[in-house]
């Protein structure tokens, strides 16, 4: 049974897991196979119309919501940057807890070369 079929044809925003990272994706909800959802995004690159379509399995979906298009771009941009900052904080706190509090990148020490 297709769990998300109510979103067919609508512009949606999906937050999904990729390993330890939470990624956002937005586009037109084009299909629901019962195991995965399919999003499509159209854009113009170097004067040519391009289509990008990707599949997100159900088990990786964290949040799926309809994306409402505001006519007032100013408040939408402020809200989007606040959400983006919140997501970055969540991702970094999740990465820190997964690593046991150790820094993500350890500095390399300059070791003396041996002959």
PDB file of N, CA and C in Angstrom:
ATOM      1  N   UNK A   1       0.843  -1.179   0.000  1.00  0.00           N
ATOM      2  CA  UNK A   1       0.000   0.000   0.000  1.00  0.00           C
ATOM      3  C   UNK A   1       0.889   1.243   0.000  1.00  0.00           C
ATOM      4  N   UNK A   2       0.589   2.179  -0.848  1.00  0.00           N
ATOM      5  CA  UNK A   2       1.366   3.407  -0.975  1.00  0.00           C
ATOM      6  C   UNK A   2       1.051   4.331   0.197  1.00  0.00           C
ATOM      7  N   UNK A   3       2.038   4.568   1.028  1.00  0.00           N
ATOM      8  CA  UNK A   3       1.851   5.330   2.261  1.00  0.00           C
ATOM      9  C   UNK A   3       1.717   6.828   2.022  1.00  0.00           C
ATOM     10  N   UNK A   4       2.397   7.360   1.004  1.00  0.00           N
ATOM     11  CA  UNK A   4       2.447   8.803   0.786  1.00  0.00           C
ATOM     12  C   UNK A   4       1.731   9.233  -0.492  1.00  0.00           C
ATOM     13  N   UNK A   5       0.806   8.446  -0.996  1.00  0.00           N
ATOM     14  CA  UNK A   5       0.166   8.745  -2.276  1.00  0.00           C
ATOM     15  C   UNK A   5      -0.662  10.031  -2.249  1.00  0.00           C
ATOM     16  N   UNK A   6      -1.019  10.545  -1.094  1.00  0.00           N
ATOM     17  CA  UNK A   6      -1.780  11.794  -1.005  1.00  0.00           C
ATOM     18  C   UNK A   6      -0.971  12.987  -1.515  1.00  0.00           C
ATOM     19  N   UNK A   7       0.351  12.852  -1.589  1.00  0.00           N
ATOM     20  CA  UNK A   7       1.217  13.950  -2.020  1.00  0.00           C
ATOM     21  C   UNK A   7       1.492  13.949  -3.524  1.00  0.00           C
ATOM     22  N   UNK A   8       0.938  13.014  -4.274  1.00  0.00           N
ATOM     23  CA  UNK A   8       1.223  12.919  -5.710  1.00  0.00           C
ATOM     24  C   UNK A   8       0.934  14.231  -6.424  1.00  0.00           C
ATOM     25  N   UNK A   9       1.909  14.686  -7.226  1.00  0.00           N
ATOM     26  CA  UNK A   9       1.758  15.892  -8.018  1.00  0.00           C
ATOM     27  C   UNK A   9       2.000  17.176  -7.257  1.00  0.00           C
ATOM     28  N   UNK A  10       2.298  17.115  -5.984  1.00  0.00           N
ATOM     29  CA  UNK A  10       2.499  18.316  -5.179  1.00  0.00           C
ATOM     30  C   UNK A  10       3.991  18.567  -4.961  1.00  0.00           C
ATOM     31  N   UNK A  11       4.320  19.824  -4.701  1.00  0.00           N
ATOM     32  CA  UNK A  11       5.694  20.184  -4.361  1.00  0.00           C
ATOM     33  C   UNK A  11       5.887  19.853  -2.890  1.00  0.00           C
ATOM     34  N   UNK A  12       6.901  19.049  -2.587  1.00  0.00           N
ATOM     35  CA  UNK A  12       7.148  18.606  -1.217  1.00  0.00           C
ATOM     36  C   UNK A  12       8.595  18.853  -0.821  1.00  0.00           C
ATOM     37  N   UNK A  13       8.810  18.827   0.478  1.00  0.00           N
ATOM     38  CA  UNK A  13      10.154  18.881   1.031  1.00  0.00           C
ATOM     39  C   UNK A  13      10.308  17.650   1.912  1.00  0.00           C
ATOM     40  N   UNK A  14      11.383  16.902   1.682  1.00  0.00           N
ATOM     41  CA  UNK A  14      11.641  15.663   2.400  1.00  0.00           C
ATOM     42  C   UNK A  14      12.972  15.800   3.131  1.00  0.00           C
ATOM     43  N   UNK A  15      12.995  15.367   4.367  1.00  0.00           N
ATOM     44  CA  UNK A  15      14.247  15.264   5.112  1.00  0.00           C
ATOM     45  C   UNK A  15      14.497  13.779   5.297  1.00  0.00           C
ATOM     46  N   UNK A  16      15.670  13.327   4.854  1.00  0.00           N
ATOM     47  CA  UNK A  16      15.959  11.899   4.906  1.00  0.00           C
ATOM     48  C   UNK A  16      17.380  11.663   5.394  1.00  0.00           C
ATOM     49  N   UNK A  17      17.590  10.464   5.927  1.00  0.00           N
ATOM     50  CA  UNK A  17      18.891  10.077   6.459  1.00  0.00           C
ATOM     51  C   UNK A  17      19.765   9.511   5.355  1.00  0.00           C
ATOM     52  N   UNK A  18      21.010   9.907   5.400  1.00  0.00           N
ATOM     53  CA  UNK A  18      22.039   9.286   4.564  1.00  0.00           C
ATOM     54  C   UNK A  18      23.212   9.063   5.501  1.00  0.00           C
ATOM     55  N   UNK A  19      23.322   7.851   6.005  1.00  0.00           N
ATOM     56  CA  UNK A  19      24.301   7.506   7.026  1.00  0.00           C
ATOM     57  C   UNK A  19      23.994   8.310   8.284  1.00  0.00           C
ATOM     58  N   UNK A  20      24.935   9.123   8.777  1.00  0.00           N
ATOM     59  CA  UNK A  20      24.710   9.917   9.984  1.00  0.00           C
ATOM     60  C   UNK A  20      24.260  11.340   9.678  1.00  0.00           C
ATOM     61  N   UNK A  21      23.925  11.607   8.429  1.00  0.00           N
ATOM     62  CA  UNK A  21      23.597  12.964   8.010  1.00  0.00           C
ATOM     63  C   UNK A  21      22.112  13.053   7.680  1.00  0.00           C
ATOM     64  N   UNK A  22      21.499  14.163   8.042  1.00  0.00           N
ATOM     65  CA  UNK A  22      20.111  14.433   7.690  1.00  0.00           C
ATOM     66  C   UNK A  22      20.120  15.406   6.515  1.00  0.00           C
ATOM     67  N   UNK A  23      19.573  14.971   5.378  1.00  0.00           N
ATOM     68  CA  UNK A  23      19.606  15.782   4.159  1.00  0.00           C
ATOM     69  C   UNK A  23      18.210  16.248   3.768  1.00  0.00           C
ATOM     70  N   UNK A  24      18.089  17.477   3.264  1.00  0.00           N
ATOM     71  CA  UNK A  24      16.811  17.943   2.737  1.00  0.00           C
ATOM     72  C   UNK A  24      16.758  17.732   1.223  1.00  0.00           C
ATOM     73  N   UNK A  25      15.564  17.496   0.732  1.00  0.00           N
ATOM     74  CA  UNK A  25      15.348  17.404  -0.717  1.00  0.00           C
ATOM     75  C   UNK A  25      13.979  17.996  -1.002  1.00  0.00           C
ATOM     76  N   UNK A  26      13.866  18.720  -2.101  1.00  0.00           N
ATOM     77  CA  UNK A  26      12.567  19.270  -2.467  1.00  0.00           C
ATOM     78  C   UNK A  26      12.356  19.092  -3.958  1.00  0.00           C
ATOM     79  N   UNK A  27      11.116  18.907  -4.315  1.00  0.00           N
ATOM     80  CA  UNK A  27      10.758  18.718  -5.711  1.00  0.00           C
ATOM     81  C   UNK A  27       9.303  18.315  -5.827  1.00  0.00           C
ATOM     82  N   UNK A  28       8.927  17.905  -7.010  1.00  0.00           N
ATOM     83  CA  UNK A  28       7.560  17.440  -7.256  1.00  0.00           C
ATOM     84  C   UNK A  28       7.493  15.959  -6.925  1.00  0.00           C
ATOM     85  N   UNK A  29       6.514  15.576  -6.118  1.00  0.00           N
ATOM     86  CA  UNK A  29       6.309  14.179  -5.747  1.00  0.00           C
ATOM     87  C   UNK A  29       5.668  13.501  -6.948  1.00  0.00           C
ATOM     88  N   UNK A  30       6.391  12.616  -7.629  1.00  0.00           N
ATOM     89  CA  UNK A  30       5.892  12.034  -8.872  1.00  0.00           C
ATOM     90  C   UNK A  30       5.441  10.591  -8.761  1.00  0.00           C
ATOM     91  N   UNK A  31       5.906   9.846  -7.748  1.00  0.00           N
ATOM     92  CA  UNK A  31       5.502   8.440  -7.655  1.00  0.00           C
ATOM     93  C   UNK A  31       5.716   7.906  -6.245  1.00  0.00           C
ATOM     94  N   UNK A  32       4.933   6.870  -5.931  1.00  0.00           N
ATOM     95  CA  UNK A  32       5.056   6.157  -4.665  1.00  0.00           C
ATOM     96  C   UNK A  32       4.894   4.677  -4.977  1.00  0.00           C
ATOM     97  N   UNK A  33       5.971   3.919  -4.821  1.00  0.00           N
ATOM     98  CA  UNK A  33       5.950   2.509  -5.198  1.00  0.00           C
ATOM     99  C   UNK A  33       5.436   1.593  -4.090  1.00  0.00           C
ATOM    100  N   UNK A  34       5.245   2.136  -2.895  1.00  0.00           N
ATOM    101  CA  UNK A  34       4.898   1.304  -1.764  1.00  0.00           C
ATOM    102  C   UNK A  34       6.111   0.966  -0.923  1.00  0.00           C
ATOM    103  N   UNK A  35       7.298   1.167  -1.478  1.00  0.00           N
ATOM    104  CA  UNK A  35       8.553   0.972  -0.751  1.00  0.00           C
ATOM    105  C   UNK A  35       9.419   2.223  -0.766  1.00  0.00           C
ATOM    106  N   UNK A  36       9.245   3.049  -1.800  1.00  0.00           N
ATOM    107  CA  UNK A  36      10.042   4.256  -1.984  1.00  0.00           C
ATOM    108  C   UNK A  36       9.175   5.359  -2.554  1.00  0.00           C
ATOM    109  N   UNK A  37       9.666   6.589  -2.378  1.00  0.00           N
ATOM    110  CA  UNK A  37       9.022   7.715  -3.046  1.00  0.00           C
ATOM    111  C   UNK A  37       9.981   8.236  -4.109  1.00  0.00           C
ATOM    112  N   UNK A  38       9.434   8.920  -5.096  1.00  0.00           N
ATOM    113  CA  UNK A  38      10.231   9.458  -6.193  1.00  0.00           C
ATOM    114  C   UNK A  38       9.929  10.943  -6.329  1.00  0.00           C
ATOM    115  N   UNK A  39      10.981  11.747  -6.306  1.00  0.00           N
ATOM    116  CA  UNK A  39      10.874  13.185  -6.484  1.00  0.00           C
ATOM    117  C   UNK A  39      11.523  13.565  -7.799  1.00  0.00           C
ATOM    118  N   UNK A  40      11.012  14.622  -8.391  1.00  0.00           N
ATOM    119  CA  UNK A  40      11.598  15.129  -9.632  1.00  0.00           C
ATOM    120  C   UNK A  40      11.746  16.631  -9.522  1.00  0.00           C
ATOM    121  N   UNK A  41      12.861  17.110 -10.001  1.00  0.00           N
ATOM    122  CA  UNK A  41      13.118  18.540 -10.007  1.00  0.00           C
ATOM    123  C   UNK A  41      13.574  18.933 -11.400  1.00  0.00           C
ATOM    124  N   UNK A  42      12.999  19.992 -11.928  1.00  0.00           N
ATOM    125  CA  UNK A  42      13.377  20.505 -13.243  1.00  0.00           C
ATOM    126  C   UNK A  42      14.110  21.824 -13.065  1.00  0.00           C
ATOM    127  N   UNK A  43      15.148  22.030 -13.885  1.00  0.00           N
ATOM    128  CA  UNK A  43      15.917  23.261 -13.806  1.00  0.00           C
ATOM    129  C   UNK A  43      16.565  23.524 -15.150  1.00  0.00           C
ATOM    130  N   UNK A  44      17.032  24.750 -15.334  1.00  0.00           N
ATOM    131  CA  UNK A  44      17.712  25.140 -16.558  1.00  0.00           C
ATOM    132  C   UNK A  44      19.193  25.264 -16.245  1.00  0.00           C
ATOM    133  N   UNK A  45      20.024  24.552 -17.028  1.00  0.00           N
ATOM    134  CA  UNK A  45      21.466  24.604 -16.848  1.00  0.00           C
ATOM    135  C   UNK A  45      22.108  24.869 -18.194  1.00  0.00           C
ATOM    136  N   UNK A  46      22.855  25.955 -18.276  1.00  0.00           N
ATOM    137  CA  UNK A  46      23.505  26.369 -19.524  1.00  0.00           C
ATOM    138  C   UNK A  46      22.524  26.452 -20.684  1.00  0.00           C
ATOM    139  N   UNK A  47      21.347  26.966 -20.385  1.00  0.00           N
ATOM    140  CA  UNK A  47      20.342  27.169 -21.415  1.00  0.00           C
ATOM    141  C   UNK A  47      19.556  25.926 -21.810  1.00  0.00           C
ATOM    142  N   UNK A  48      19.808  24.805 -21.170  1.00  0.00           N
ATOM    143  CA  UNK A  48      19.091  23.565 -21.481  1.00  0.00           C
ATOM    144  C   UNK A  48      18.237  23.143 -20.298  1.00  0.00           C
ATOM    145  N   UNK A  49      17.027  22.666 -20.601  1.00  0.00           N
ATOM    146  CA  UNK A  49      16.128  22.162 -19.576  1.00  0.00           C
ATOM    147  C   UNK A  49      16.608  20.789 -19.106  1.00  0.00           C
ATOM    148  N   UNK A  50      16.812  20.630 -17.798  1.00  0.00           N
ATOM    149  CA  UNK A  50      17.284  19.368 -17.222  1.00  0.00           C
ATOM    150  C   UNK A  50      16.246  18.858 -16.230  1.00  0.00           C
ATOM    151  N   UNK A  51      16.212  17.541 -16.063  1.00  0.00           N
ATOM    152  CA  UNK A  51      15.337  16.900 -15.082  1.00  0.00           C
ATOM    153  C   UNK A  51      16.188  16.012 -14.194  1.00  0.00           C
ATOM    154  N   UNK A  52      15.944  16.117 -12.905  1.00  0.00           N
ATOM    155  CA  UNK A  52      16.654  15.282 -11.943  1.00  0.00           C
ATOM    156  C   UNK A  52      15.596  14.521 -11.159  1.00  0.00           C
ATOM    157  N   UNK A  53      15.724  13.223 -11.118  1.00  0.00           N
ATOM    158  CA  UNK A  53      14.750  12.390 -10.411  1.00  0.00           C
ATOM    159  C   UNK A  53      15.501  11.472  -9.468  1.00  0.00           C
ATOM    160  N   UNK A  54      15.011  11.372  -8.244  1.00  0.00           N
ATOM    161  CA  UNK A  54      15.653  10.460  -7.310  1.00  0.00           C
ATOM    162  C   UNK A  54      14.640   9.694  -6.491  1.00  0.00           C
ATOM    163  N   UNK A  55      15.131   8.580  -5.958  1.00  0.00           N
ATOM    164  CA  UNK A  55      14.319   7.648  -5.181  1.00  0.00           C
ATOM    165  C   UNK A  55      14.774   7.696  -3.728  1.00  0.00           C
ATOM    166  N   UNK A  56      13.810   7.782  -2.817  1.00  0.00           N
ATOM    167  CA  UNK A  56      14.113   7.766  -1.389  1.00  0.00           C
ATOM    168  C   UNK A  56      13.305   6.642  -0.750  1.00  0.00           C
ATOM    169  N   UNK A  57      13.961   5.603  -0.254  1.00  0.00           N
ATOM    170  CA  UNK A  57      13.236   4.505   0.393  1.00  0.00           C
ATOM    171  C   UNK A  57      12.520   4.969   1.666  1.00  0.00           C
ATOM    172  N   UNK A  58      11.391   4.346   1.967  1.00  0.00           N
ATOM    173  CA  UNK A  58      10.592   4.703   3.142  1.00  0.00           C
ATOM    174  C   UNK A  58      11.422   4.738   4.422  1.00  0.00           C
ATOM    175  N   UNK A  59      12.297   3.749   4.636  1.00  0.00           N
ATOM    176  CA  UNK A  59      12.999   3.649   5.910  1.00  0.00           C
ATOM    177  C   UNK A  59      13.978   4.782   6.146  1.00  0.00           C
ATOM    178  N   UNK A  60      14.326   5.570   5.107  1.00  0.00           N
ATOM    179  CA  UNK A  60      15.239   6.683   5.284  1.00  0.00           C
ATOM    180  C   UNK A  60      14.525   8.018   5.475  1.00  0.00           C
ATOM    181  N   UNK A  61      13.217   8.053   5.278  1.00  0.00           N
ATOM    182  CA  UNK A  61      12.455   9.294   5.400  1.00  0.00           C
ATOM    183  C   UNK A  61      12.283   9.649   6.870  1.00  0.00           C
ATOM    184  N   UNK A  62      12.696  10.861   7.226  1.00  0.00           N
ATOM    185  CA  UNK A  62      12.518  11.369   8.579  1.00  0.00           C
ATOM    186  C   UNK A  62      11.278  12.247   8.630  1.00  0.00           C
ATOM    187  N   UNK A  63      11.128  13.133   7.655  1.00  0.00           N
ATOM    188  CA  UNK A  63       9.970  14.037   7.614  1.00  0.00           C
ATOM    189  C   UNK A  63       9.628  14.346   6.163  1.00  0.00           C
ATOM    190  N   UNK A  64       8.343  14.363   5.859  1.00  0.00           N
ATOM    191  CA  UNK A  64       7.857  14.717   4.530  1.00  0.00           C
ATOM    192  C   UNK A  64       6.713  15.701   4.716  1.00  0.00           C
ATOM    193  N   UNK A  65       6.807  16.845   4.068  1.00  0.00           N
ATOM    194  CA  UNK A  65       5.754  17.851   4.191  1.00  0.00           C
ATOM    195  C   UNK A  65       5.568  18.574   2.872  1.00  0.00           C
ATOM    196  N   UNK A  66       4.359  19.055   2.660  1.00  0.00           N
ATOM    197  CA  UNK A  66       4.073  19.814   1.452  1.00  0.00           C
ATOM    198  C   UNK A  66       4.758  21.164   1.572  1.00  0.00           C
ATOM    199  N   UNK A  67       5.387  21.595   0.489  1.00  0.00           N
ATOM    200  CA  UNK A  67       6.103  22.867   0.482  1.00  0.00           C
ATOM    201  C   UNK A  67       5.157  23.940  -0.025  1.00  0.00           C
ATOM    202  N   UNK A  68       4.865  24.895   0.830  1.00  0.00           N
ATOM    203  CA  UNK A  68       3.948  25.976   0.481  1.00  0.00           C
ATOM    204  C   UNK A  68       4.755  27.099  -0.141  1.00  0.00           C
ATOM    205  N   UNK A  69       4.326  27.551  -1.315  1.00  0.00           N
ATOM    206  CA  UNK A  69       5.010  28.632  -2.023  1.00  0.00           C
ATOM    207  C   UNK A  69       4.448  29.959  -1.547  1.00  0.00           C
ATOM    208  N   UNK A  70       5.281  30.769  -0.886  1.00  0.00           N
ATOM    209  CA  UNK A  70       4.863  32.096  -0.440  1.00  0.00           C
ATOM    210  C   UNK A  70       5.140  33.112  -1.532  1.00  0.00           C
ATOM    211  N   UNK A  71       4.243  34.091  -1.647  1.00  0.00           N
ATOM    212  CA  UNK A  71       4.483  35.171  -2.601  1.00  0.00           C
ATOM    213  C   UNK A  71       5.449  36.186  -2.014  1.00  0.00           C
ATOM    214  N   UNK A  72       5.481  36.301  -0.687  1.00  0.00           N
ATOM    215  CA  UNK A  72       6.425  37.214  -0.044  1.00  0.00           C
ATOM    216  C   UNK A  72       7.709  36.454   0.223  1.00  0.00           C
ATOM    217  N   UNK A  73       8.717  36.685  -0.587  1.00  0.00           N
ATOM    218  CA  UNK A  73       9.963  35.935  -0.496  1.00  0.00           C
ATOM    219  C   UNK A  73      10.788  36.268   0.725  1.00  0.00           C
ATOM    220  N   UNK A  74      10.647  37.474   1.301  1.00  0.00           N
ATOM    221  CA  UNK A  74      11.470  37.882   2.432  1.00  0.00           C
ATOM    222  C   UNK A  74      11.261  37.016   3.656  1.00  0.00           C
ATOM    223  N   UNK A  75      10.021  36.807   4.051  1.00  0.00           N
ATOM    224  CA  UNK A  75       9.773  36.009   5.255  1.00  0.00           C
ATOM    225  C   UNK A  75      10.084  34.534   5.007  1.00  0.00           C
ATOM    226  N   UNK A  76       9.878  34.086   3.782  1.00  0.00           N
ATOM    227  CA  UNK A  76      10.180  32.687   3.465  1.00  0.00           C
ATOM    228  C   UNK A  76      11.678  32.439   3.546  1.00  0.00           C
ATOM    229  N   UNK A  77      12.489  33.407   3.084  1.00  0.00           N
ATOM    230  CA  UNK A  77      13.940  33.245   3.151  1.00  0.00           C
ATOM    231  C   UNK A  77      14.433  33.235   4.590  1.00  0.00           C
ATOM    232  N   UNK A  78      13.861  34.089   5.438  1.00  0.00           N
ATOM    233  CA  UNK A  78      14.265  34.121   6.837  1.00  0.00           C
ATOM    234  C   UNK A  78      13.898  32.810   7.528  1.00  0.00           C
ATOM    235  N   UNK A  79      12.716  32.314   7.227  1.00  0.00           N
ATOM    236  CA  UNK A  79      12.270  31.051   7.831  1.00  0.00           C
ATOM    237  C   UNK A  79      13.150  29.897   7.337  1.00  0.00           C
ATOM    238  N   UNK A  80      13.487  29.892   6.039  1.00  0.00           N
ATOM    239  CA  UNK A  80      14.326  28.828   5.479  1.00  0.00           C
ATOM    240  C   UNK A  80      15.716  28.851   6.100  1.00  0.00           C
ATOM    241  N   UNK A  81      16.284  30.037   6.330  1.00  0.00           N
ATOM    242  CA  UNK A  81      17.610  30.092   6.939  1.00  0.00           C
ATOM    243  C   UNK A  81      17.563  29.646   8.393  1.00  0.00           C
ATOM    244  N   UNK A  82      16.458  29.939   9.094  1.00  0.00           N
ATOM    245  CA  UNK A  82      16.312  29.477  10.477  1.00  0.00           C
ATOM    246  C   UNK A  82      16.213  27.960  10.520  1.00  0.00           C
ATOM    247  N   UNK A  83      15.454  27.384   9.600  1.00  0.00           N
ATOM    248  CA  UNK A  83      15.324  25.927   9.531  1.00  0.00           C
ATOM    249  C   UNK A  83      16.658  25.303   9.168  1.00  0.00           C
ATOM    250  N   UNK A  84      17.367  25.921   8.226  1.00  0.00           N
ATOM    251  CA  UNK A  84      18.677  25.404   7.815  1.00  0.00           C
ATOM    252  C   UNK A  84      19.656  25.410   8.990  1.00  0.00           C
ATOM    253  N   UNK A  85      19.656  26.490   9.771  1.00  0.00           N
ATOM    254  CA  UNK A  85      20.534  26.567  10.941  1.00  0.00           C
ATOM    255  C   UNK A  85      20.162  25.506  11.961  1.00  0.00           C
ATOM    256  N   UNK A  86      18.854  25.311  12.157  1.00  0.00           N
ATOM    257  CA  UNK A  86      18.389  24.295  13.107  1.00  0.00           C
ATOM    258  C   UNK A  86      18.824  22.896  12.657  1.00  0.00           C
ATOM    259  N   UNK A  87      18.710  22.619  11.351  1.00  0.00           N
ATOM    260  CA  UNK A  87      19.117  21.314  10.840  1.00  0.00           C
ATOM    261  C   UNK A  87      20.612  21.100  10.993  1.00  0.00           C
ATOM    262  N   UNK A  88      21.417  22.144  10.739  1.00  0.00           N
ATOM    263  CA  UNK A  88      22.864  22.021  10.898  1.00  0.00           C
ATOM    264  C   UNK A  88      23.211  21.708  12.344  1.00  0.00           C
ATOM    265  N   UNK A  89      22.504  22.361  13.290  1.00  0.00           N
ATOM    266  CA  UNK A  89      22.747  22.096  14.701  1.00  0.00           C
ATOM    267  C   UNK A  89      22.392  20.658  15.053  1.00  0.00           C
ATOM    268  N   UNK A  90      21.265  20.163  14.505  1.00  0.00           N
ATOM    269  CA  UNK A  90      20.852  18.792  14.768  1.00  0.00           C
ATOM    270  C   UNK A  90      21.866  17.808  14.209  1.00  0.00           C
ATOM    271  N   UNK A  91      22.341  18.071  12.995  1.00  0.00           N
ATOM    272  CA  UNK A  91      23.303  17.163  12.361  1.00  0.00           C
ATOM    273  C   UNK A  91      24.602  17.145  13.143  1.00  0.00           C
ATOM    274  N   UNK A  92      25.104  18.338  13.558  1.00  0.00           N
ATOM    275  CA  UNK A  92      26.362  18.340  14.294  1.00  0.00           C
ATOM    276  C   UNK A  92      26.216  17.716  15.664  1.00  0.00           C
ATOM    277  N   UNK A  93      25.067  17.889  16.323  1.00  0.00           N
ATOM    278  CA  UNK A  93      24.893  17.247  17.626  1.00  0.00           C
ATOM    279  C   UNK A  93      24.752  15.741  17.459  1.00  0.00           C
ATOM    280  N   UNK A  94      24.099  15.301  16.380  1.00  0.00           N
ATOM    281  CA  UNK A  94      23.975  13.862  16.118  1.00  0.00           C
ATOM    282  C   UNK A  94      25.342  13.260  15.806  1.00  0.00           C
ATOM    283  N   UNK A  95      26.156  13.974  15.042  1.00  0.00           N
ATOM    284  CA  UNK A  95      27.492  13.469  14.716  1.00  0.00           C
ATOM    285  C   UNK A  95      28.364  13.407  15.961  1.00  0.00           C
ATOM    286  N   UNK A  96      28.237  14.403  16.849  1.00  0.00           N
ATOM    287  CA  UNK A  96      29.032  14.403  18.076  1.00  0.00           C
ATOM    288  C   UNK A  96      28.617  13.259  18.992  1.00  0.00           C
ATOM    289  N   UNK A  97      27.313  13.015  19.085  1.00  0.00           N
ATOM    290  CA  UNK A  97      26.877  11.926  19.956  1.00  0.00           C
ATOM    291  C   UNK A  97      27.248  10.571  19.367  1.00  0.00           C
ATOM    292  N   UNK A  98      27.256  10.457  18.043  1.00  0.00           N
ATOM    293  CA  UNK A  98      27.629   9.192  17.409  1.00  0.00           C
ATOM    294  C   UNK A  98      29.118   8.903  17.578  1.00  0.00           C
ATOM    295  N   UNK A  99      29.916   9.963  17.653  1.00  0.00           N
ATOM    296  CA  UNK A  99      31.357   9.760  17.785  1.00  0.00           C
ATOM    297  C   UNK A  99      31.805   9.725  19.238  1.00  0.00           C
ATOM    298  N   UNK A 100      30.858   9.770  20.173  1.00  0.00           N
ATOM    299  CA  UNK A 100      31.207   9.722  21.583  1.00  0.00           C
ATOM    300  C   UNK A 100      31.797  11.022  22.090  1.00  0.00           C
ATOM    301  N   UNK A 101      31.481  12.141  21.427  1.00  0.00           N
ATOM    302  CA  UNK A 101      31.968  13.436  21.861  1.00  0.00           C
ATOM    303  C   UNK A 101      33.330  13.800  21.302  1.00  0.00           C
ATOM    304  N   UNK A 102      33.978  12.894  20.583  1.00  0.00           N
ATOM    305  CA  UNK A 102      35.286  13.189  19.998  1.00  0.00           C
ATOM    306  C   UNK A 102      35.103  14.106  18.790  1.00  0.00           C
ATOM    307  N   UNK A 103      36.082  14.940  18.512  1.00  0.00           N
ATOM    308  CA  UNK A 103      35.958  15.798  17.337  1.00  0.00           C
ATOM    309  C   UNK A 103      35.869  14.964  16.060  1.00  0.00           C
ATOM    310  N   UNK A 104      35.160  15.498  15.069  1.00  0.00           N
ATOM    311  CA  UNK A 104      34.949  14.761  13.830  1.00  0.00           C
ATOM    312  C   UNK A 104      36.260  14.535  13.081  1.00  0.00           C
ATOM    313  N   UNK A 105      37.124  15.552  13.040  1.00  0.00           N
ATOM    314  CA  UNK A 105      38.414  15.423  12.367  1.00  0.00           C
ATOM    315  C   UNK A 105      39.523  15.590  13.395  1.00  0.00           C
ATOM    316  N   UNK A 106      40.399  14.643  13.439  1.00  0.00           N
ATOM    317  CA  UNK A 106      41.520  14.721  14.364  1.00  0.00           C
ATOM    318  C   UNK A 106      42.707  15.339  13.647  1.00  0.00           C
ATOM    319  N   UNK A 107      43.394  16.271  14.289  1.00  0.00           N
ATOM    320  CA  UNK A 107      44.548  16.885  13.624  1.00  0.00           C
ATOM    321  C   UNK A 107      45.672  15.869  13.485  1.00  0.00           C
ATOM    322  N   UNK A 108      46.363  15.936  12.376  1.00  0.00           N
ATOM    323  CA  UNK A 108      47.509  15.064  12.146  1.00  0.00           C
ATOM    324  C   UNK A 108      48.751  15.744  12.698  1.00  0.00           C
ATOM    325  N   UNK A 109      49.533  14.998  13.409  1.00  0.00           N
ATOM    326  CA  UNK A 109      50.768  15.543  13.969  1.00  0.00           C
ATOM    327  C   UNK A 109      51.889  15.359  12.957  1.00  0.00           C
ATOM    328  N   UNK A 110      52.774  16.314  12.951  1.00  0.00           N
ATOM    329  CA  UNK A 110      53.948  16.200  12.082  1.00  0.00           C
ATOM    330  C   UNK A 110      54.934  15.272  12.755  1.00  0.00           C
ATOM    331  N   UNK A 111      55.088  14.120  12.187  1.00  0.00           N
ATOM    332  CA  UNK A 111      56.036  13.143  12.750  1.00  0.00           C
ATOM    333  C   UNK A 111      57.392  13.320  12.077  1.00  0.00           C
ATOM    334  N   UNK A 112      58.445  13.119  12.831  1.00  0.00           N
ATOM    335  CA  UNK A 112      59.765  13.209  12.184  1.00  0.00           C
ATOM    336  C   UNK A 112      59.951  12.037  11.225  1.00  0.00           C
ATOM    337  N   UNK A 113      60.558  12.335  10.106  1.00  0.00           N
ATOM    338  CA  UNK A 113      60.801  11.282   9.123  1.00  0.00           C
ATOM    339  C   UNK A 113      61.984  10.438   9.555  1.00  0.00           C
ATOM    340  N   UNK A 114      61.825   9.134   9.384  1.00  0.00           N
ATOM    341  CA  UNK A 114      62.933   8.236   9.716  1.00  0.00           C
ATOM    342  C   UNK A 114      63.591   7.765   8.433  1.00  0.00           C
ATOM    343  N   UNK A 115      64.868   7.501   8.527  1.00  0.00           N
ATOM    344  CA  UNK A 115      65.618   7.109   7.335  1.00  0.00           C
ATOM    345  C   UNK A 115      65.401   5.687   6.963  1.00  0.00           C
TER     346      UNK A 115
END
